[in-house]
């Protein structure tokens, strides 16, 4: 009988119970024999709490899954069937630093876009590529499911600089399926969405419910469907939506409503209470709950974290890969011509056909200029960011940040970059080595 080993890198993450819930629920199909949770020494305490909770969840389900928690990443990766990465290099402390430095310079401070997302990518990409070298050596046939943010940037770096079979995932698409299934009072399987774009910058260009186009309901705010309830505007002006001819994702607000969001963030900054501070509190509450020896299931409170349902997306993908189901999933993959206005080797987020041996993006077709313009600029920023993270080239980093639509000038980009590099010196050895690789 074949064995299935699932390795979770960042096993001490507060999201892990949701992942375990999904794996346990699909055990009949997956037949998981081992789950390894691995973390770094700084995450030892959280990993230990998670190991105990995971053990209680597996026992409650009465399953013969062997659970191992370890700091030994190589042992955890060896012979894995699936490796899931959900790490935060520098933990919440560095996320807070990213947000506060951005806002100090009066630019958007956000975890995955703008200056904050840029800095997170520079810290994270070298670590993920290091993990990939272990996978190439110790589990060359494994699929890597990457949730680590910024997911598109990290996945693009892996696609360009490793031989690992990687797919990037985000909870954004699955949340839209859930939202529209509630709006139209149908099963998620009855919803069909076409996504165009890259991670955290996707547009929905088609919405079908039971085979019937309903996108005009959302663009106009009016439905003739008796099943529809509370047509969602997602906080968008209807004139804007009708002329855009697409439904933007939540992250588009940073681009389309920059002034309003920046003002909100600056107010939080003045009160010493940015999103990083809020997440820190939610995380503390979650780990307090997780330590309860009678808790043996995922607590509802986990849905307060921004990544709710991400692991549902992960487990659905794993089951499709395992069963060779040829299902459609919305994933981060190599473009290969699916979006003709982006480079072949870019990472895009679109609908894909999932087979056990490959994941193939579906052709998108014509991309109108009101989508293409922003998409191409942000993708060019991402290409430069990947290059900067891999080479440690400050000039490339400066060009990346200057190009980003949320950074208003080259001078501002330089000031933010210099302060962020200094604050992250410990995490960026390649930026602080001379040409011979000697630390400066």
Protein backbone atom coordinates (compact mmCIF):
# COMPACT_ATOMS: atom_id res chain seq x y z
CA UNK A 1 0.00 0.00 0.00
CA UNK A 2 1.39 3.41 -0.90
CA UNK A 3 1.98 5.89 1.88
CA UNK A 4 1.16 9.56 1.80
CA UNK A 5 3.25 11.96 3.82
CA UNK A 6 2.13 15.59 4.08
CA UNK A 7 4.66 18.10 5.34
CA UNK A 8 3.54 21.49 6.62
CA UNK A 9 6.36 24.05 6.75
CA UNK A 10 5.20 26.71 9.15
CA UNK A 11 3.35 24.02 11.11
CA UNK A 12 3.07 26.32 14.13
CA UNK A 13 0.88 28.73 12.13
CA UNK A 14 -2.51 29.66 13.57
CA UNK A 15 -4.04 28.38 10.29
CA UNK A 16 -2.91 24.79 10.81
CA UNK A 17 -6.12 23.56 12.54
CA UNK A 18 -8.15 24.47 9.44
CA UNK A 19 -5.73 22.54 7.26
CA UNK A 20 -5.96 19.51 9.54
CA UNK A 21 -9.75 19.70 9.57
CA UNK A 22 -9.71 19.53 5.76
CA UNK A 23 -7.24 16.64 5.60
CA UNK A 24 -9.21 14.67 8.20
CA UNK A 25 -12.42 15.29 6.25
CA UNK A 26 -10.89 13.90 3.03
CA UNK A 27 -8.96 11.05 4.62
CA UNK A 28 -11.17 8.47 2.87
CA UNK A 29 -9.87 9.68 -0.50
CA UNK A 30 -6.37 10.83 0.45
CA UNK A 31 -5.31 7.99 2.75
CA UNK A 32 -2.75 10.12 4.60
CA UNK A 33 -0.31 8.02 6.64
CA UNK A 34 1.90 10.78 8.10
CA UNK A 35 1.61 14.49 8.82
CA UNK A 36 4.79 16.37 9.72
CA UNK A 37 4.61 19.85 11.22
CA UNK A 38 7.91 21.71 10.97
CA UNK A 39 8.90 25.17 12.17
CA UNK A 40 11.90 27.28 13.14
CA UNK A 41 13.29 27.60 16.70
CA UNK A 42 11.50 30.96 17.18
CA UNK A 43 8.21 29.15 16.54
CA UNK A 44 8.92 26.28 18.93
CA UNK A 45 6.27 27.25 21.50
CA UNK A 46 3.51 27.65 18.88
CA UNK A 47 4.57 24.39 17.21
CA UNK A 48 4.28 22.56 20.53
CA UNK A 49 0.76 23.94 21.12
CA UNK A 50 -0.21 22.98 17.57
CA UNK A 51 1.21 19.46 17.94
CA UNK A 52 -1.02 18.82 20.97
CA UNK A 53 -4.15 20.25 19.30
CA UNK A 54 -3.45 18.31 16.09
CA UNK A 55 -3.04 15.13 18.12
CA UNK A 56 -6.42 15.69 19.79
CA UNK A 57 -8.10 16.34 16.40
CA UNK A 58 -6.64 13.15 14.88
CA UNK A 59 -7.60 11.07 17.94
CA UNK A 60 -11.15 12.44 17.89
CA UNK A 61 -11.44 11.38 14.24
CA UNK A 62 -10.10 7.91 15.15
CA UNK A 63 -7.61 7.94 12.28
CA UNK A 64 -4.30 6.02 12.07
CA UNK A 65 -2.32 9.11 11.01
CA UNK A 66 1.15 9.40 12.51
CA UNK A 67 1.84 12.98 13.63
CA UNK A 68 5.38 14.37 14.00
CA UNK A 69 6.34 17.90 15.04
CA UNK A 70 9.97 18.88 14.49
CA UNK A 71 12.47 21.65 13.90
CA UNK A 72 14.35 19.36 11.47
CA UNK A 73 13.13 20.58 8.07
CA UNK A 74 15.09 18.07 6.02
CA UNK A 75 13.68 15.09 7.94
CA UNK A 76 10.20 16.54 7.51
CA UNK A 77 10.62 17.00 3.74
CA UNK A 78 12.21 13.60 3.02
CA UNK A 79 9.89 11.43 0.89
CA UNK A 80 6.92 13.79 1.28
CA UNK A 81 4.08 13.54 -1.25
CA UNK A 82 2.93 17.12 -0.60
CA UNK A 83 4.78 20.00 0.99
CA UNK A 84 2.68 22.95 2.14
CA UNK A 85 4.48 26.21 2.87
CA UNK A 86 2.78 28.76 5.12
CA UNK A 87 5.68 30.64 6.67
CA UNK A 88 6.19 34.21 7.83
CA UNK A 89 9.87 35.15 7.74
CA UNK A 90 10.45 37.65 10.56
CA UNK A 91 7.07 36.78 12.08
CA UNK A 92 4.48 39.46 12.92
CA UNK A 93 7.18 41.76 14.28
CA UNK A 94 8.58 42.36 10.77
CA UNK A 95 5.10 42.68 9.28
CA UNK A 96 4.53 45.48 11.76
CA UNK A 97 7.84 47.06 10.75
CA UNK A 98 6.83 46.94 7.06
CA UNK A 99 3.52 48.67 7.79
CA UNK A 100 4.96 51.34 10.08
CA UNK A 101 7.86 52.28 7.80
CA UNK A 102 5.50 52.54 4.81
CA UNK A 103 3.05 54.75 6.68
CA UNK A 104 5.82 56.88 8.14
CA UNK A 105 6.56 57.80 4.50
CA UNK A 106 2.83 58.28 3.79
CA UNK A 107 2.47 55.33 1.43
CA UNK A 108 0.10 52.34 1.80
CA UNK A 109 1.36 49.85 4.40
CA UNK A 110 0.04 46.41 3.51
CA UNK A 111 1.26 42.86 3.88
CA UNK A 112 1.24 41.77 0.24
CA UNK A 113 1.13 44.87 -1.95
CA UNK A 114 3.09 48.12 -2.20
CA UNK A 115 6.18 48.67 -0.08
CA UNK A 116 5.10 46.17 2.60
CA UNK A 117 4.51 43.34 0.14
CA UNK A 118 7.79 44.21 -1.57
CA UNK A 119 9.73 43.91 1.68
CA UNK A 120 8.00 40.69 2.64
CA UNK A 121 8.97 39.25 -0.76
CA UNK A 122 12.65 40.21 -0.31
CA UNK A 123 12.74 38.47 3.08
CA UNK A 124 10.77 35.44 1.99
CA UNK A 125 11.95 34.43 -1.48
CA UNK A 126 15.50 33.36 -0.46
CA UNK A 127 14.08 31.18 2.35
CA UNK A 128 11.56 29.51 0.02
CA UNK A 129 14.26 28.84 -2.58
CA UNK A 130 16.34 27.24 0.17
CA UNK A 131 13.36 25.01 1.05
CA UNK A 132 13.05 24.14 -2.66
CA UNK A 133 16.66 22.96 -2.76
CA UNK A 134 15.79 20.51 0.05
CA UNK A 135 12.69 19.35 -1.86
CA UNK A 136 14.72 18.82 -5.07
CA UNK A 137 17.13 16.62 -3.14
CA UNK A 138 14.85 14.81 -0.67
CA UNK A 139 11.38 14.67 -2.27
CA UNK A 140 11.83 15.38 -5.99
CA UNK A 141 8.36 14.03 -6.89
CA UNK A 142 6.50 16.09 -4.26
CA UNK A 143 4.04 18.81 -5.13
CA UNK A 144 4.72 22.09 -3.33
CA UNK A 145 1.54 23.99 -2.44
CA UNK A 146 2.64 27.50 -1.57
CA UNK A 147 0.47 29.73 0.59
CA UNK A 148 3.28 31.94 1.78
CA UNK A 149 2.54 35.55 0.89
CA UNK A 150 3.00 37.40 -1.34
CA UNK A 151 1.93 34.12 -2.96
CA UNK A 152 2.26 35.16 -6.62
CA UNK A 153 5.71 36.68 -6.19
CA UNK A 154 7.00 33.74 -4.15
CA UNK A 155 5.58 31.22 -6.64
CA UNK A 156 7.11 33.11 -9.58
CA UNK A 157 10.53 32.99 -7.90
CA UNK A 158 10.17 29.20 -7.40
CA UNK A 159 9.03 28.70 -11.01
CA UNK A 160 12.02 30.66 -12.31
CA UNK A 161 14.73 29.45 -9.93
CA UNK A 162 13.94 25.82 -9.00
CA UNK A 163 12.76 22.55 -10.54
CA UNK A 164 10.06 21.92 -7.92
CA UNK A 165 6.49 21.17 -9.02
CA UNK A 166 4.86 24.21 -7.44
CA UNK A 167 1.36 25.65 -7.35
CA UNK A 168 0.54 28.89 -5.53
CA UNK A 169 -2.75 29.20 -3.67
CA UNK A 170 -4.83 32.01 -2.25
CA UNK A 171 -8.14 32.07 -0.37
CA UNK A 172 -9.44 34.99 -2.48
CA UNK A 173 -11.02 32.92 -5.31
CA UNK A 174 -12.72 30.37 -3.05
CA UNK A 175 -14.24 33.22 -1.03
CA UNK A 176 -15.92 34.52 -4.19
CA UNK A 177 -17.39 31.10 -4.92
CA UNK A 178 -18.76 31.01 -1.37
CA UNK A 179 -20.10 34.56 -1.61
CA UNK A 180 -21.93 34.00 -4.90
CA UNK A 181 -23.30 30.62 -3.82
CA UNK A 182 -24.90 32.46 -0.86
CA UNK A 183 -26.14 35.35 -3.05
CA UNK A 184 -27.88 32.96 -5.46
CA UNK A 185 -28.77 30.30 -2.89
CA UNK A 186 -27.05 27.52 -4.86
CA UNK A 187 -24.20 25.07 -4.27
CA UNK A 188 -20.66 26.24 -4.94
CA UNK A 189 -20.51 23.74 -7.80
CA UNK A 190 -23.27 25.73 -9.58
CA UNK A 191 -21.06 28.86 -9.71
CA UNK A 192 -18.64 29.39 -12.59
CA UNK A 193 -16.19 32.30 -12.44
CA UNK A 194 -13.54 33.45 -14.91
CA UNK A 195 -10.57 35.15 -13.25
CA UNK A 196 -7.99 37.26 -15.06
CA UNK A 197 -4.85 38.54 -13.35
CA UNK A 198 -2.17 37.82 -10.81
CA UNK A 199 -2.28 37.08 -7.08
CA UNK A 200 -4.15 39.80 -5.16
CA UNK A 201 -4.85 41.56 -8.44
CA UNK A 202 -7.55 39.44 -10.08
CA UNK A 203 -10.60 40.62 -11.94
CA UNK A 204 -13.73 38.47 -12.38
CA UNK A 205 -14.74 38.88 -16.02
CA UNK A 206 -17.48 36.25 -16.12
CA UNK A 207 -19.99 34.96 -13.56
CA UNK A 208 -22.33 32.10 -14.47
CA UNK A 209 -24.91 30.54 -12.16
CA UNK A 210 -26.14 27.15 -13.34
CA UNK A 211 -24.85 28.03 -16.82
CA UNK A 212 -26.57 31.42 -17.01
CA UNK A 213 -24.54 34.67 -17.10
CA UNK A 214 -25.29 36.83 -14.05
CA UNK A 215 -22.38 39.30 -14.11
CA UNK A 216 -24.72 42.16 -15.05
CA UNK A 217 -26.45 41.67 -11.67
CA UNK A 218 -23.24 42.65 -9.92
CA UNK A 219 -22.21 45.40 -12.36
CA UNK A 220 -25.64 47.07 -12.12
CA UNK A 221 -26.60 46.12 -8.56
CA UNK A 222 -29.94 44.78 -9.85
CA UNK A 223 -31.04 41.17 -10.36
CA UNK A 224 -34.12 39.66 -11.97
CA UNK A 225 -33.31 36.34 -10.28
CA UNK A 226 -35.76 35.42 -7.55
CA UNK A 227 -33.01 33.34 -5.92
CA UNK A 228 -30.58 36.25 -5.57
CA UNK A 229 -30.24 37.86 -2.16
CA UNK A 230 -28.45 41.13 -1.42
CA UNK A 231 -26.53 41.68 -4.64
CA UNK A 232 -23.02 42.53 -3.39
CA UNK A 233 -21.41 45.77 -4.55
CA UNK A 234 -18.22 44.91 -2.62
CA UNK A 235 -17.97 48.64 -1.86
CA UNK A 236 -17.62 49.76 -5.49
CA UNK A 237 -19.30 52.62 -7.31
CA UNK A 238 -21.71 51.12 -9.86
CA UNK A 239 -20.75 53.58 -12.65
CA UNK A 240 -17.16 52.47 -12.13
CA UNK A 241 -18.08 48.77 -12.24
CA UNK A 242 -20.18 49.13 -15.38
CA UNK A 243 -17.37 50.85 -17.28
CA UNK A 244 -14.73 48.44 -15.91
CA UNK A 245 -16.90 45.52 -17.15
CA UNK A 246 -15.44 43.29 -14.45
CA UNK A 247 -15.61 42.67 -10.70
CA UNK A 248 -12.38 43.72 -8.96
CA UNK A 249 -11.02 41.87 -5.93
CA UNK A 250 -10.70 43.39 -2.47
CA UNK A 251 -7.03 44.26 -2.96
CA UNK A 252 -7.94 46.52 -5.88
CA UNK A 253 -9.12 49.07 -3.33
CA UNK A 254 -5.48 49.89 -2.64
CA UNK A 255 -5.17 50.92 -6.31
CA UNK A 256 -8.62 52.29 -7.15
CA UNK A 257 -9.31 53.95 -3.75
CA UNK A 258 -5.76 54.75 -2.66
CA UNK A 259 -6.53 58.14 -1.11
CA UNK A 260 -9.34 56.80 1.09
CA UNK A 261 -7.42 53.73 2.24
CA UNK A 262 -4.24 55.67 2.91
CA UNK A 263 -6.17 58.10 5.11
CA UNK A 264 -7.68 55.20 7.07
CA UNK A 265 -4.26 53.61 7.51
CA UNK A 266 -2.61 56.88 8.56
CA UNK A 267 -5.27 57.26 11.26
CA UNK A 268 -4.47 53.73 12.51
CA UNK A 269 -0.76 54.57 12.38
CA UNK A 270 -1.32 57.69 14.49
CA UNK A 271 -3.12 55.51 17.05
CA UNK A 272 -0.41 52.79 16.99
CA UNK A 273 -2.94 50.20 15.80
CA UNK A 274 -2.31 48.98 12.25
CA UNK A 275 -3.50 45.67 10.82
CA UNK A 276 -0.35 43.95 12.12
CA UNK A 277 -1.27 44.99 15.68
CA UNK A 278 -4.82 43.68 15.20
CA UNK A 279 -3.57 40.36 13.80
CA UNK A 280 -1.19 39.98 16.74
CA UNK A 281 -4.15 40.25 19.15
CA UNK A 282 -6.27 37.77 17.16
CA UNK A 283 -3.35 35.36 17.04
CA UNK A 284 -2.80 35.58 20.80
CA UNK A 285 -6.50 34.84 21.41
CA UNK A 286 -6.32 31.86 19.03
CA UNK A 287 -3.28 30.33 20.73
CA UNK A 288 -4.95 30.82 24.12
CA UNK A 289 -7.89 28.81 22.74
CA UNK A 290 -5.62 26.19 21.17
CA UNK A 291 -4.02 25.46 24.55
CA UNK A 292 -7.35 24.34 26.04
CA UNK A 293 -6.83 20.58 26.57
CA UNK A 294 -10.52 19.88 25.82
CA UNK A 295 -10.42 21.62 22.40
CA UNK A 296 -10.32 18.96 19.67
CA UNK A 297 -11.64 20.84 16.62
CA UNK A 298 -11.00 24.04 14.67
CA UNK A 299 -12.45 26.96 16.68
CA UNK A 300 -14.82 29.38 14.94
CA UNK A 301 -12.61 32.29 16.00
CA UNK A 302 -10.06 31.26 13.34
CA UNK A 303 -12.29 32.81 10.69
CA UNK A 304 -11.34 36.27 12.03
CA UNK A 305 -7.94 35.82 10.43
CA UNK A 306 -7.72 37.08 6.86
CA UNK A 307 -7.01 33.66 5.38
CA UNK A 308 -10.27 31.89 6.20
CA UNK A 309 -10.96 28.93 3.86
CA UNK A 310 -7.43 28.94 2.44
CA UNK A 311 -6.92 25.38 3.61
CA UNK A 312 -10.20 24.28 2.07
CA UNK A 313 -8.65 25.42 -1.21
CA UNK A 314 -5.49 23.44 -0.36
CA UNK A 315 -7.28 20.22 0.47
CA UNK A 316 -9.52 20.46 -2.62
CA UNK A 317 -6.39 20.85 -4.74
CA UNK A 318 -4.66 17.92 -3.04
CA UNK A 319 -7.65 15.66 -3.63
CA UNK A 320 -7.80 16.70 -7.31
CA UNK A 321 -4.08 16.03 -7.80
CA UNK A 322 -4.32 12.72 -5.96
CA UNK A 323 -7.42 11.53 -7.82
CA UNK A 324 -6.30 12.90 -11.22
CA UNK A 325 -9.76 14.47 -11.37
CA UNK A 326 -9.17 17.11 -14.09
CA UNK A 327 -11.20 19.57 -12.00
CA UNK A 328 -10.98 23.33 -12.48
CA UNK A 329 -9.21 25.32 -9.72
CA UNK A 330 -8.10 28.96 -9.60
CA UNK A 331 -4.33 28.80 -9.03
CA UNK A 332 -1.01 30.61 -9.33
CA UNK A 333 0.94 28.97 -12.15
CA UNK A 334 3.34 29.76 -15.01
CA UNK A 335 1.59 31.83 -17.67
CA UNK A 336 2.70 29.84 -20.75
CA UNK A 337 0.66 32.15 -22.99
CA UNK A 338 -2.64 31.93 -21.08
CA UNK A 339 -2.66 35.74 -20.67
CA UNK A 340 -1.14 36.91 -23.94
CA UNK A 341 -0.24 40.42 -22.70
CA UNK A 342 2.08 39.06 -19.95
CA UNK A 343 5.47 37.29 -20.25
CA UNK A 344 5.46 33.52 -20.81
CA UNK A 345 7.41 32.91 -17.59
CA UNK A 346 5.28 35.19 -15.40
CA UNK A 347 3.19 33.71 -12.58
CA UNK A 348 -0.52 34.36 -13.11
CA UNK A 349 -3.70 33.52 -11.16
CA UNK A 350 -6.35 31.98 -13.42
CA UNK A 351 -8.57 28.92 -13.76
CA UNK A 352 -6.53 25.76 -14.36
CA UNK A 353 -7.19 22.12 -15.17
CA UNK A 354 -5.67 19.90 -12.47
CA UNK A 355 -4.27 16.48 -13.42
CA UNK A 356 -2.06 14.33 -11.22
CA UNK A 357 1.05 15.14 -13.26
CA UNK A 358 0.43 18.75 -14.28
CA UNK A 359 -1.64 21.89 -13.75
CA UNK A 360 -2.56 23.72 -16.98
CA UNK A 361 -3.85 27.31 -17.10
CA UNK A 362 -6.87 27.98 -19.29
CA UNK A 363 -6.57 30.52 -22.09
CA UNK A 364 -7.93 33.92 -21.04
CA UNK A 365 -8.13 35.67 -24.41
CA UNK A 366 -8.49 39.42 -24.92
CA UNK A 367 -7.66 41.59 -21.91
CA UNK A 368 -9.16 45.12 -22.24
CA UNK A 369 -6.87 48.12 -21.64
CA UNK A 370 -8.54 49.16 -18.37
CA UNK A 371 -7.41 45.80 -16.93
CA UNK A 372 -4.28 45.31 -19.02
CA UNK A 373 -2.69 48.64 -18.03
CA UNK A 374 -2.62 48.07 -14.27
CA UNK A 375 -1.92 44.35 -14.67
CA UNK A 376 1.19 44.87 -16.81
CA UNK A 377 2.64 47.54 -14.51
CA UNK A 378 2.21 45.47 -11.35
CA UNK A 379 3.57 42.36 -13.10
CA UNK A 380 6.67 44.29 -14.21
CA UNK A 381 7.13 45.38 -10.57
CA UNK A 382 6.88 41.69 -9.57
CA UNK A 383 9.46 40.58 -12.16
CA UNK A 384 11.93 43.16 -10.83
CA UNK A 385 11.16 42.22 -7.21
CA UNK A 386 11.93 38.54 -7.87
CA UNK A 387 15.20 39.55 -9.54
CA UNK A 388 16.12 41.83 -6.62
CA UNK A 389 15.35 39.13 -4.05
CA UNK A 390 17.52 36.58 -5.87
CA UNK A 391 20.47 38.87 -6.69
CA UNK A 392 20.50 41.32 -3.78
CA UNK A 393 20.83 44.15 -6.33
CA UNK A 394 19.78 47.46 -4.75
CA UNK A 395 19.42 49.14 -8.13
CA UNK A 396 16.90 46.53 -9.28
CA UNK A 397 15.10 46.84 -5.94
CA UNK A 398 14.88 50.62 -6.40
CA UNK A 399 13.44 50.23 -9.90
CA UNK A 400 10.88 47.68 -8.63
CA UNK A 401 9.62 49.94 -5.88
CA UNK A 402 9.64 53.06 -8.07
CA UNK A 403 7.48 51.25 -10.64
CA UNK A 404 4.83 50.20 -8.12
CA UNK A 405 1.62 52.26 -8.56
CA UNK A 406 1.35 52.87 -4.81
CA UNK A 407 4.76 54.60 -4.63
CA UNK A 408 4.42 58.19 -5.94
CA UNK A 409 8.04 58.99 -6.87
CA UNK A 410 11.56 57.66 -7.27
CA UNK A 411 12.68 59.80 -4.34
CA UNK A 412 10.02 58.32 -2.08
CA UNK A 413 10.92 54.81 -3.29
CA UNK A 414 14.58 55.40 -2.42
CA UNK A 415 13.80 56.72 1.07
CA UNK A 416 11.46 53.81 1.86
CA UNK A 417 13.89 51.26 0.39
CA UNK A 418 16.88 52.49 2.40
CA UNK A 419 14.97 52.45 5.69
CA UNK A 420 13.42 49.05 5.01
CA UNK A 421 16.70 47.43 3.96
CA UNK A 422 18.35 48.67 7.15
CA UNK A 423 15.47 47.43 9.33
CA UNK A 424 15.70 44.02 7.59
CA UNK A 425 19.49 43.75 7.45
CA UNK A 426 19.45 40.49 9.43
CA UNK A 427 17.14 38.86 6.82
CA UNK A 428 18.89 40.14 3.69
CA UNK A 429 22.46 38.87 3.61
CA UNK A 430 22.65 39.09 -0.21
CA UNK A 431 22.09 42.87 -0.10
CA UNK A 432 24.96 43.30 2.33
CA UNK A 433 27.69 41.24 0.66
CA UNK A 434 30.36 42.50 -1.66
CA UNK A 435 31.01 40.79 -5.00
CA UNK A 436 33.11 38.08 -3.32
CA UNK A 437 30.18 37.18 -1.00
CA UNK A 438 31.83 38.72 2.05
CA UNK A 439 29.53 40.48 4.51
CA UNK A 440 30.00 44.23 4.60
